[in-house]
Amino acid sequence: MRLPVLGLFCLMLFGANAQTDSLALPKQPINLFSWKDPHSPTKASIYSAVIPGLGQLYNQKYWKVPLVYATLGTATWLMLDQRAQMKKLNLQFEKAYALNKDTSIDINLISQRDNHRRMRDFGILAISAIYVLQIADAAVDAHFFKFDINQSLSARISPSNSRLLTVNYRF
């Protein structure tokens, strides 16, 4: 079983460059520290991954930067608050065990601690999701950076005498 899988892996690894286009132009390297290059989604994604919100600044979507930091800050506050509450309950458990109290700790305290742990985990997931979404937002905005949306784009749906419905659009 291992030999066919290993053979398939080697075939994919070494045969990946079997077909190359002889007419393809070489790719230009991305200069991360220059704002004069043509607008690049890769550059916007890298900027957003390094510093959240920097990709939005690169795309000139300045109004999105406070939203990124507000959502990240809220999720971080939620996670830290729930972690502090969970630590308080853990200290209560440690004090109870240090005093050799009965090992049957109140079930309510255990459920509260588990609830705080669950909410802390949701906070961590929210931070991660917001971080990934702001990177994706920067990449999508960079793709549409030069997309022209002006007032001459229009669509109109109207009834017609010869047909049931007509759709008129103008560029």
N, C-alpha and C. Protein backbone atom coordinates (compact mmCIF):
# COMPACT_ATOMS: atom_id res chain seq x y z
N MET A 1 0.82 -1.20 0.00
CA MET A 1 0.00 0.00 0.00
C MET A 1 0.86 1.25 0.00
N ARG A 2 1.97 1.24 0.74
CA ARG A 2 2.82 2.41 0.82
C ARG A 2 3.54 2.70 -0.50
N LEU A 3 3.94 1.65 -1.21
CA LEU A 3 4.71 1.83 -2.44
C LEU A 3 3.90 2.55 -3.52
N PRO A 4 2.64 2.18 -3.78
CA PRO A 4 1.88 2.94 -4.80
C PRO A 4 1.63 4.39 -4.39
N VAL A 5 1.39 4.62 -3.11
CA VAL A 5 1.15 5.99 -2.66
C VAL A 5 2.43 6.81 -2.79
N LEU A 6 3.56 6.23 -2.43
CA LEU A 6 4.85 6.91 -2.56
C LEU A 6 5.17 7.17 -4.03
N GLY A 7 4.89 6.20 -4.89
CA GLY A 7 5.13 6.39 -6.32
C GLY A 7 4.26 7.49 -6.90
N LEU A 8 2.99 7.53 -6.49
CA LEU A 8 2.08 8.58 -6.96
C LEU A 8 2.54 9.96 -6.47
N PHE A 9 3.00 10.02 -5.23
CA PHE A 9 3.50 11.28 -4.68
C PHE A 9 4.72 11.76 -5.45
N CYS A 10 5.66 10.85 -5.74
CA CYS A 10 6.87 11.23 -6.49
C CYS A 10 6.51 11.67 -7.91
N LEU A 11 5.55 10.98 -8.52
CA LEU A 11 5.12 11.35 -9.87
C LEU A 11 4.53 12.76 -9.88
N MET A 12 3.72 13.07 -8.87
CA MET A 12 3.13 14.41 -8.80
C MET A 12 4.19 15.45 -8.49
N LEU A 13 5.15 15.10 -7.64
CA LEU A 13 6.17 16.06 -7.24
C LEU A 13 7.12 16.39 -8.38
N PHE A 14 7.61 15.37 -9.06
CA PHE A 14 8.61 15.60 -10.10
C PHE A 14 7.99 15.85 -11.47
N GLY A 15 6.76 15.48 -11.66
CA GLY A 15 6.11 15.70 -12.96
C GLY A 15 5.31 16.98 -13.00
N ALA A 16 5.39 17.80 -11.97
CA ALA A 16 4.59 19.02 -11.92
C ALA A 16 5.01 20.04 -12.97
N ASN A 17 6.28 20.05 -13.34
CA ASN A 17 6.77 21.02 -14.31
C ASN A 17 6.98 20.39 -15.68
N ALA A 18 6.24 19.33 -15.99
CA ALA A 18 6.42 18.64 -17.26
C ALA A 18 5.98 19.49 -18.44
N GLN A 19 4.91 20.24 -18.29
CA GLN A 19 4.41 21.06 -19.39
C GLN A 19 4.62 22.52 -19.04
N THR A 20 5.38 23.20 -19.85
CA THR A 20 5.57 24.63 -19.65
C THR A 20 5.25 25.35 -20.95
N ASP A 21 4.78 26.54 -20.84
CA ASP A 21 4.43 27.35 -21.99
C ASP A 21 5.67 28.13 -22.43
N SER A 22 6.11 27.87 -23.65
CA SER A 22 7.33 28.54 -24.12
C SER A 22 7.07 30.00 -24.49
N LEU A 23 5.81 30.37 -24.70
CA LEU A 23 5.49 31.74 -25.07
C LEU A 23 5.11 32.61 -23.88
N ALA A 24 5.03 32.02 -22.70
CA ALA A 24 4.61 32.78 -21.52
C ALA A 24 5.68 33.78 -21.12
N LEU A 25 5.23 34.96 -20.75
CA LEU A 25 6.15 35.99 -20.28
C LEU A 25 6.54 35.70 -18.84
N PRO A 26 7.77 35.98 -18.47
CA PRO A 26 8.15 35.74 -17.07
C PRO A 26 7.39 36.70 -16.14
N LYS A 27 7.04 36.19 -14.96
CA LYS A 27 6.31 37.01 -14.00
C LYS A 27 7.22 38.05 -13.40
N GLN A 28 6.66 39.23 -13.23
CA GLN A 28 7.41 40.30 -12.59
C GLN A 28 7.35 40.10 -11.07
N PRO A 29 8.46 40.28 -10.37
CA PRO A 29 8.43 40.11 -8.92
C PRO A 29 7.60 41.23 -8.28
N ILE A 30 6.99 40.88 -7.16
CA ILE A 30 6.17 41.85 -6.43
C ILE A 30 7.07 42.64 -5.50
N ASN A 31 7.05 43.95 -5.66
CA ASN A 31 7.84 44.82 -4.81
C ASN A 31 6.91 45.31 -3.69
N LEU A 32 7.08 44.74 -2.49
CA LEU A 32 6.17 45.03 -1.39
C LEU A 32 6.32 46.43 -0.82
N PHE A 33 7.46 47.05 -1.03
CA PHE A 33 7.71 48.34 -0.39
C PHE A 33 7.55 49.51 -1.33
N SER A 34 6.90 49.29 -2.45
CA SER A 34 6.67 50.37 -3.40
C SER A 34 5.17 50.52 -3.63
N TRP A 35 4.69 51.75 -3.52
CA TRP A 35 3.29 52.03 -3.77
C TRP A 35 3.06 52.40 -5.23
N LYS A 36 4.13 52.44 -6.05
CA LYS A 36 4.02 52.88 -7.44
C LYS A 36 3.71 51.72 -8.39
N ASP A 37 3.84 50.49 -7.92
CA ASP A 37 3.56 49.34 -8.78
C ASP A 37 2.08 49.31 -9.14
N PRO A 38 1.72 48.58 -10.19
CA PRO A 38 0.30 48.42 -10.49
C PRO A 38 -0.41 47.74 -9.31
N HIS A 39 -1.67 48.01 -9.17
CA HIS A 39 -2.43 47.50 -8.03
C HIS A 39 -2.46 45.98 -8.05
N SER A 40 -2.07 45.35 -6.95
CA SER A 40 -1.93 43.90 -6.91
C SER A 40 -2.74 43.31 -5.76
N PRO A 41 -3.59 42.31 -6.03
CA PRO A 41 -4.31 41.63 -4.96
C PRO A 41 -3.38 40.87 -4.02
N THR A 42 -2.29 40.33 -4.56
CA THR A 42 -1.32 39.63 -3.71
C THR A 42 -0.70 40.58 -2.70
N LYS A 43 -0.34 41.75 -3.18
CA LYS A 43 0.26 42.74 -2.28
C LYS A 43 -0.75 43.18 -1.21
N ALA A 44 -2.00 43.37 -1.59
CA ALA A 44 -3.02 43.76 -0.61
C ALA A 44 -3.22 42.66 0.43
N SER A 45 -3.19 41.40 0.00
CA SER A 45 -3.35 40.28 0.93
C SER A 45 -2.17 40.20 1.90
N ILE A 46 -0.97 40.38 1.39
CA ILE A 46 0.22 40.32 2.25
C ILE A 46 0.20 41.47 3.25
N TYR A 47 -0.14 42.66 2.78
CA TYR A 47 -0.23 43.81 3.69
C TYR A 47 -1.25 43.55 4.81
N SER A 48 -2.41 43.01 4.43
CA SER A 48 -3.45 42.75 5.42
C SER A 48 -3.06 41.64 6.38
N ALA A 49 -2.29 40.68 5.91
CA ALA A 49 -1.86 39.59 6.78
C ALA A 49 -0.82 40.07 7.79
N VAL A 50 0.05 40.99 7.38
CA VAL A 50 1.10 41.48 8.28
C VAL A 50 0.50 42.42 9.32
N ILE A 51 -0.24 43.42 8.88
CA ILE A 51 -0.89 44.37 9.79
C ILE A 51 -2.36 44.46 9.37
N PRO A 52 -3.27 44.00 10.24
CA PRO A 52 -4.69 44.07 9.87
C PRO A 52 -5.10 45.51 9.53
N GLY A 53 -5.79 45.65 8.41
CA GLY A 53 -6.25 46.96 7.96
C GLY A 53 -5.32 47.62 6.96
N LEU A 54 -4.07 47.18 6.86
CA LEU A 54 -3.15 47.80 5.93
C LEU A 54 -3.54 47.51 4.48
N GLY A 55 -4.11 46.35 4.23
CA GLY A 55 -4.60 46.04 2.88
C GLY A 55 -5.73 46.95 2.47
N GLN A 56 -6.60 47.30 3.43
CA GLN A 56 -7.68 48.22 3.13
C GLN A 56 -7.13 49.62 2.85
N LEU A 57 -6.09 50.02 3.58
CA LEU A 57 -5.44 51.31 3.28
C LEU A 57 -4.82 51.29 1.89
N TYR A 58 -4.19 50.19 1.53
CA TYR A 58 -3.57 50.05 0.20
C TYR A 58 -4.63 50.16 -0.89
N ASN A 59 -5.83 49.64 -0.62
CA ASN A 59 -6.92 49.70 -1.60
C ASN A 59 -7.67 51.03 -1.55
N GLN A 60 -7.25 51.94 -0.69
CA GLN A 60 -7.87 53.25 -0.51
C GLN A 60 -9.31 53.14 -0.03
N LYS A 61 -9.60 52.14 0.77
CA LYS A 61 -10.90 51.98 1.43
C LYS A 61 -10.70 52.34 2.90
N TYR A 62 -10.48 53.63 3.12
CA TYR A 62 -10.11 54.11 4.45
C TYR A 62 -11.20 53.89 5.49
N TRP A 63 -12.44 53.89 5.09
CA TRP A 63 -13.54 53.75 6.03
C TRP A 63 -13.62 52.34 6.61
N LYS A 64 -12.95 51.35 6.00
CA LYS A 64 -13.02 49.98 6.50
C LYS A 64 -12.03 49.72 7.64
N VAL A 65 -10.99 50.53 7.75
CA VAL A 65 -9.97 50.30 8.77
C VAL A 65 -10.55 50.38 10.18
N PRO A 66 -11.36 51.41 10.53
CA PRO A 66 -11.95 51.40 11.87
C PRO A 66 -12.87 50.20 12.12
N LEU A 67 -13.55 49.73 11.08
CA LEU A 67 -14.40 48.55 11.24
C LEU A 67 -13.58 47.32 11.56
N VAL A 68 -12.44 47.17 10.89
CA VAL A 68 -11.56 46.02 11.14
C VAL A 68 -11.10 46.05 12.59
N TYR A 69 -10.62 47.21 13.05
CA TYR A 69 -10.10 47.28 14.41
C TYR A 69 -11.20 47.23 15.46
N ALA A 70 -12.38 47.73 15.15
CA ALA A 70 -13.49 47.64 16.11
C ALA A 70 -13.93 46.19 16.29
N THR A 71 -14.04 45.45 15.20
CA THR A 71 -14.46 44.05 15.32
C THR A 71 -13.37 43.21 15.98
N LEU A 72 -12.11 43.44 15.61
CA LEU A 72 -11.03 42.71 16.26
C LEU A 72 -10.95 43.05 17.75
N GLY A 73 -11.13 44.32 18.09
CA GLY A 73 -11.08 44.73 19.49
C GLY A 73 -12.23 44.15 20.30
N THR A 74 -13.41 44.12 19.72
CA THR A 74 -14.56 43.55 20.42
C THR A 74 -14.38 42.07 20.67
N ALA A 75 -13.93 41.35 19.66
CA ALA A 75 -13.70 39.90 19.82
C ALA A 75 -12.58 39.64 20.83
N THR A 76 -11.54 40.47 20.82
CA THR A 76 -10.44 40.31 21.77
C THR A 76 -10.93 40.60 23.19
N TRP A 77 -11.73 41.65 23.37
CA TRP A 77 -12.28 41.96 24.69
C TRP A 77 -13.14 40.80 25.19
N LEU A 78 -13.97 40.23 24.32
CA LEU A 78 -14.82 39.10 24.71
C LEU A 78 -13.96 37.94 25.18
N MET A 79 -12.92 37.63 24.43
CA MET A 79 -12.07 36.50 24.78
C MET A 79 -11.35 36.75 26.10
N LEU A 80 -10.80 37.95 26.29
CA LEU A 80 -10.05 38.25 27.52
C LEU A 80 -10.97 38.30 28.74
N ASP A 81 -12.18 38.84 28.59
CA ASP A 81 -13.12 38.91 29.70
C ASP A 81 -13.55 37.51 30.13
N GLN A 82 -13.85 36.66 29.16
CA GLN A 82 -14.26 35.30 29.50
C GLN A 82 -13.10 34.51 30.12
N ARG A 83 -11.90 34.78 29.66
CA ARG A 83 -10.73 34.11 30.25
C ARG A 83 -10.54 34.54 31.70
N ALA A 84 -10.74 35.83 32.00
CA ALA A 84 -10.61 36.31 33.38
C ALA A 84 -11.68 35.68 34.27
N GLN A 85 -12.90 35.59 33.78
CA GLN A 85 -13.96 34.96 34.57
C GLN A 85 -13.66 33.49 34.83
N MET A 86 -13.12 32.82 33.82
CA MET A 86 -12.79 31.41 33.98
C MET A 86 -11.66 31.24 35.01
N LYS A 87 -10.68 32.15 34.99
CA LYS A 87 -9.58 32.08 35.96
C LYS A 87 -10.08 32.30 37.39
N LYS A 88 -11.05 33.20 37.58
CA LYS A 88 -11.62 33.41 38.91
C LYS A 88 -12.25 32.13 39.44
N LEU A 89 -13.00 31.45 38.59
CA LEU A 89 -13.63 30.20 39.02
C LEU A 89 -12.59 29.12 39.29
N ASN A 90 -11.53 29.09 38.50
CA ASN A 90 -10.47 28.11 38.74
C ASN A 90 -9.78 28.37 40.08
N LEU A 91 -9.61 29.65 40.46
CA LEU A 91 -9.03 29.96 41.77
C LEU A 91 -9.95 29.50 42.90
N GLN A 92 -11.24 29.63 42.71
CA GLN A 92 -12.18 29.13 43.72
C GLN A 92 -12.04 27.62 43.89
N PHE A 93 -11.88 26.91 42.78
CA PHE A 93 -11.69 25.46 42.85
C PHE A 93 -10.39 25.11 43.56
N GLU A 94 -9.32 25.85 43.27
CA GLU A 94 -8.03 25.59 43.91
C GLU A 94 -8.11 25.84 45.41
N LYS A 95 -8.79 26.90 45.83
CA LYS A 95 -8.94 27.18 47.26
C LYS A 95 -9.75 26.08 47.95
N ALA A 96 -10.78 25.60 47.28
CA ALA A 96 -11.60 24.54 47.87
C ALA A 96 -10.79 23.26 48.04
N TYR A 97 -9.97 22.92 47.06
CA TYR A 97 -9.15 21.72 47.17
C TYR A 97 -8.03 21.90 48.20
N ALA A 98 -7.51 23.13 48.33
CA ALA A 98 -6.44 23.38 49.31
C ALA A 98 -6.95 23.25 50.73
N LEU A 99 -8.20 23.59 50.96
CA LEU A 99 -8.79 23.47 52.30
C LEU A 99 -9.35 22.07 52.56
N ASN A 100 -9.13 21.15 51.62
CA ASN A 100 -9.62 19.78 51.71
C ASN A 100 -11.12 19.71 51.93
N LYS A 101 -11.82 20.56 51.22
CA LYS A 101 -13.28 20.53 51.30
C LYS A 101 -13.78 19.30 50.55
N ASP A 102 -15.06 19.12 50.67
CA ASP A 102 -15.68 17.98 50.00
C ASP A 102 -15.43 18.07 48.50
N THR A 103 -15.12 16.94 47.89
CA THR A 103 -14.77 16.93 46.47
C THR A 103 -16.00 17.12 45.58
N SER A 104 -17.17 17.05 46.17
CA SER A 104 -18.37 17.27 45.35
C SER A 104 -18.61 18.77 45.24
N ILE A 105 -17.91 19.39 44.31
CA ILE A 105 -18.01 20.83 44.09
C ILE A 105 -19.35 21.12 43.43
N ASP A 106 -19.85 22.27 43.74
CA ASP A 106 -21.15 22.68 43.22
C ASP A 106 -21.18 22.54 41.69
N ILE A 107 -22.17 21.83 41.21
CA ILE A 107 -22.32 21.60 39.77
C ILE A 107 -22.54 22.92 39.04
N ASN A 108 -23.15 23.87 39.70
CA ASN A 108 -23.40 25.18 39.09
C ASN A 108 -22.08 25.88 38.76
N LEU A 109 -21.09 25.79 39.68
CA LEU A 109 -19.79 26.41 39.42
C LEU A 109 -19.08 25.75 38.24
N ILE A 110 -19.21 24.46 38.14
CA ILE A 110 -18.57 23.75 37.03
C ILE A 110 -19.22 24.14 35.71
N SER A 111 -20.53 24.25 35.70
CA SER A 111 -21.20 24.64 34.45
C SER A 111 -20.88 26.09 34.08
N GLN A 112 -20.73 26.97 35.10
CA GLN A 112 -20.34 28.35 34.81
C GLN A 112 -18.94 28.40 34.21
N ARG A 113 -18.01 27.63 34.78
CA ARG A 113 -16.64 27.62 34.26
C ARG A 113 -16.62 27.09 32.82
N ASP A 114 -17.39 26.02 32.57
CA ASP A 114 -17.44 25.48 31.22
C ASP A 114 -18.07 26.46 30.24
N ASN A 115 -19.06 27.22 30.70
CA ASN A 115 -19.67 28.24 29.84
C ASN A 115 -18.67 29.35 29.51
N HIS A 116 -17.90 29.79 30.51
CA HIS A 116 -16.89 30.82 30.26
C HIS A 116 -15.80 30.29 29.32
N ARG A 117 -15.43 29.03 29.47
CA ARG A 117 -14.43 28.43 28.58
C ARG A 117 -14.96 28.39 27.14
N ARG A 118 -16.23 28.02 27.00
CA ARG A 118 -16.84 27.94 25.67
C ARG A 118 -16.90 29.33 25.02
N MET A 119 -17.28 30.33 25.81
CA MET A 119 -17.34 31.69 25.27
C MET A 119 -15.94 32.22 24.94
N ARG A 120 -14.94 31.86 25.72
CA ARG A 120 -13.56 32.24 25.41
C ARG A 120 -13.13 31.62 24.08
N ASP A 121 -13.49 30.35 23.89
CA ASP A 121 -13.16 29.68 22.63
C ASP A 121 -13.88 30.33 21.45
N PHE A 122 -15.13 30.75 21.65
CA PHE A 122 -15.84 31.47 20.59
C PHE A 122 -15.15 32.80 20.27
N GLY A 123 -14.64 33.45 21.30
CA GLY A 123 -13.89 34.69 21.08
C GLY A 123 -12.65 34.45 20.24
N ILE A 124 -11.94 33.37 20.53
CA ILE A 124 -10.74 33.04 19.75
C ILE A 124 -11.12 32.73 18.30
N LEU A 125 -12.21 31.99 18.11
CA LEU A 125 -12.67 31.70 16.75
C LEU A 125 -13.10 32.98 16.03
N ALA A 126 -13.73 33.90 16.76
CA ALA A 126 -14.16 35.17 16.15
C ALA A 126 -12.94 35.99 15.72
N ILE A 127 -11.92 36.05 16.56
CA ILE A 127 -10.69 36.78 16.19
C ILE A 127 -10.09 36.18 14.92
N SER A 128 -10.03 34.85 14.87
CA SER A 128 -9.45 34.19 13.70
C SER A 128 -10.28 34.44 12.45
N ALA A 129 -11.60 34.35 12.58
CA ALA A 129 -12.47 34.57 11.42
C ALA A 129 -12.39 36.01 10.92
N ILE A 130 -12.36 36.97 11.84
CA ILE A 130 -12.27 38.38 11.43
C ILE A 130 -10.95 38.64 10.73
N TYR A 131 -9.88 38.05 11.25
CA TYR A 131 -8.55 38.22 10.65
C TYR A 131 -8.53 37.68 9.22
N VAL A 132 -9.08 36.47 9.03
CA VAL A 132 -9.10 35.87 7.68
C VAL A 132 -10.03 36.66 6.76
N LEU A 133 -11.16 37.10 7.27
CA LEU A 133 -12.11 37.84 6.43
C LEU A 133 -11.55 39.19 5.99
N GLN A 134 -10.79 39.86 6.84
CA GLN A 134 -10.23 41.15 6.41
C GLN A 134 -9.14 40.95 5.37
N ILE A 135 -8.43 39.82 5.41
CA ILE A 135 -7.46 39.51 4.34
C ILE A 135 -8.21 39.25 3.03
N ALA A 136 -9.28 38.46 3.11
CA ALA A 136 -10.06 38.17 1.90
C ALA A 136 -10.70 39.45 1.35
N ASP A 137 -11.17 40.32 2.23
CA ASP A 137 -11.77 41.58 1.79
C ASP A 137 -10.74 42.44 1.06
N ALA A 138 -9.52 42.48 1.57
CA ALA A 138 -8.47 43.27 0.91
C ALA A 138 -8.16 42.70 -0.48
N ALA A 139 -8.13 41.37 -0.59
CA ALA A 139 -7.85 40.75 -1.89
C ALA A 139 -8.97 41.02 -2.88
N VAL A 140 -10.22 40.91 -2.45
CA VAL A 140 -11.35 41.15 -3.35
C VAL A 140 -11.41 42.62 -3.76
N ASP A 141 -11.19 43.52 -2.81
CA ASP A 141 -11.17 44.95 -3.16
C ASP A 141 -10.05 45.28 -4.13
N ALA A 142 -8.91 44.62 -3.99
CA ALA A 142 -7.81 44.87 -4.92
C ALA A 142 -8.14 44.37 -6.32
N HIS A 143 -8.88 43.26 -6.40
CA HIS A 143 -9.30 42.77 -7.72
C HIS A 143 -10.24 43.76 -8.40
N PHE A 144 -11.10 44.41 -7.63
CA PHE A 144 -12.06 45.34 -8.19
C PHE A 144 -11.60 46.79 -8.12
N PHE A 145 -10.33 47.02 -7.85
CA PHE A 145 -9.83 48.38 -7.68
C PHE A 145 -10.02 49.21 -8.94
N LYS A 146 -9.77 48.63 -10.10
CA LYS A 146 -9.87 49.38 -11.36
C LYS A 146 -11.19 49.13 -12.09
N PHE A 147 -12.12 48.48 -11.44
CA PHE A 147 -13.43 48.22 -12.02
C PHE A 147 -14.22 49.51 -12.04
N ASP A 148 -14.68 49.92 -13.22
CA ASP A 148 -15.34 51.21 -13.37
C ASP A 148 -16.84 51.08 -13.13
N ILE A 149 -17.32 51.78 -12.12
CA ILE A 149 -18.76 51.86 -11.87
C ILE A 149 -19.14 53.33 -11.96
N ASN A 150 -19.85 53.66 -13.01
CA ASN A 150 -20.26 55.06 -13.17
C ASN A 150 -21.76 55.14 -13.39
N GLN A 151 -22.24 56.33 -13.59
CA GLN A 151 -23.68 56.55 -13.67
C GLN A 151 -24.30 56.08 -14.99
N SER A 152 -23.48 55.79 -16.00
CA SER A 152 -24.07 55.39 -17.28
C SER A 152 -24.50 53.92 -17.28
N LEU A 153 -24.18 53.17 -16.24
CA LEU A 153 -24.68 51.81 -16.12
C LEU A 153 -26.11 51.85 -15.61
N SER A 154 -27.01 51.22 -16.34
CA SER A 154 -28.40 51.20 -15.89
C SER A 154 -29.11 49.98 -16.45
N ALA A 155 -30.14 49.58 -15.74
CA ALA A 155 -30.99 48.48 -16.19
C ALA A 155 -32.43 48.87 -15.89
N ARG A 156 -33.32 48.50 -16.79
CA ARG A 156 -34.72 48.87 -16.62
C ARG A 156 -35.58 47.71 -17.07
N ILE A 157 -36.55 47.35 -16.26
CA ILE A 157 -37.51 46.30 -16.61
C ILE A 157 -38.85 46.99 -16.85
N SER A 158 -39.44 46.71 -18.02
CA SER A 158 -40.70 47.38 -18.35
C SER A 158 -41.60 46.43 -19.14
N PRO A 159 -42.90 46.63 -19.05
CA PRO A 159 -43.82 45.81 -19.85
C PRO A 159 -43.75 46.22 -21.31
N SER A 160 -44.07 45.29 -22.19
CA SER A 160 -44.02 45.56 -23.62
C SER A 160 -45.32 45.08 -24.25
N ASN A 161 -45.67 45.68 -25.40
CA ASN A 161 -46.90 45.28 -26.10
C ASN A 161 -46.74 43.93 -26.76
N SER A 162 -45.60 43.67 -27.36
CA SER A 162 -45.42 42.43 -28.11
C SER A 162 -44.94 41.28 -27.23
N ARG A 163 -44.31 41.57 -26.11
CA ARG A 163 -43.80 40.52 -25.22
C ARG A 163 -44.34 40.75 -23.82
N LEU A 164 -44.18 39.76 -23.00
CA LEU A 164 -44.64 39.88 -21.63
C LEU A 164 -43.80 40.87 -20.84
N LEU A 165 -42.47 40.81 -21.05
CA LEU A 165 -41.57 41.65 -20.27
C LEU A 165 -40.30 41.89 -21.08
N THR A 166 -39.77 43.09 -21.00
CA THR A 166 -38.50 43.38 -21.66
C THR A 166 -37.52 43.91 -20.64
N VAL A 167 -36.27 43.61 -20.89
CA VAL A 167 -35.20 44.10 -20.03
C VAL A 167 -34.28 44.95 -20.90
N ASN A 168 -34.14 46.22 -20.56
CA ASN A 168 -33.27 47.13 -21.29
C ASN A 168 -32.06 47.44 -20.40
N TYR A 169 -30.89 47.35 -20.97
CA TYR A 169 -29.69 47.71 -20.21
C TYR A 169 -28.81 48.57 -21.10
N ARG A 170 -28.07 49.45 -20.48
CA ARG A 170 -27.23 50.39 -21.21
C ARG A 170 -25.90 50.51 -20.49
N PHE A 171 -24.83 50.56 -21.27
CA PHE A 171 -23.47 50.69 -20.72
C PHE A 171 -22.96 52.08 -20.95
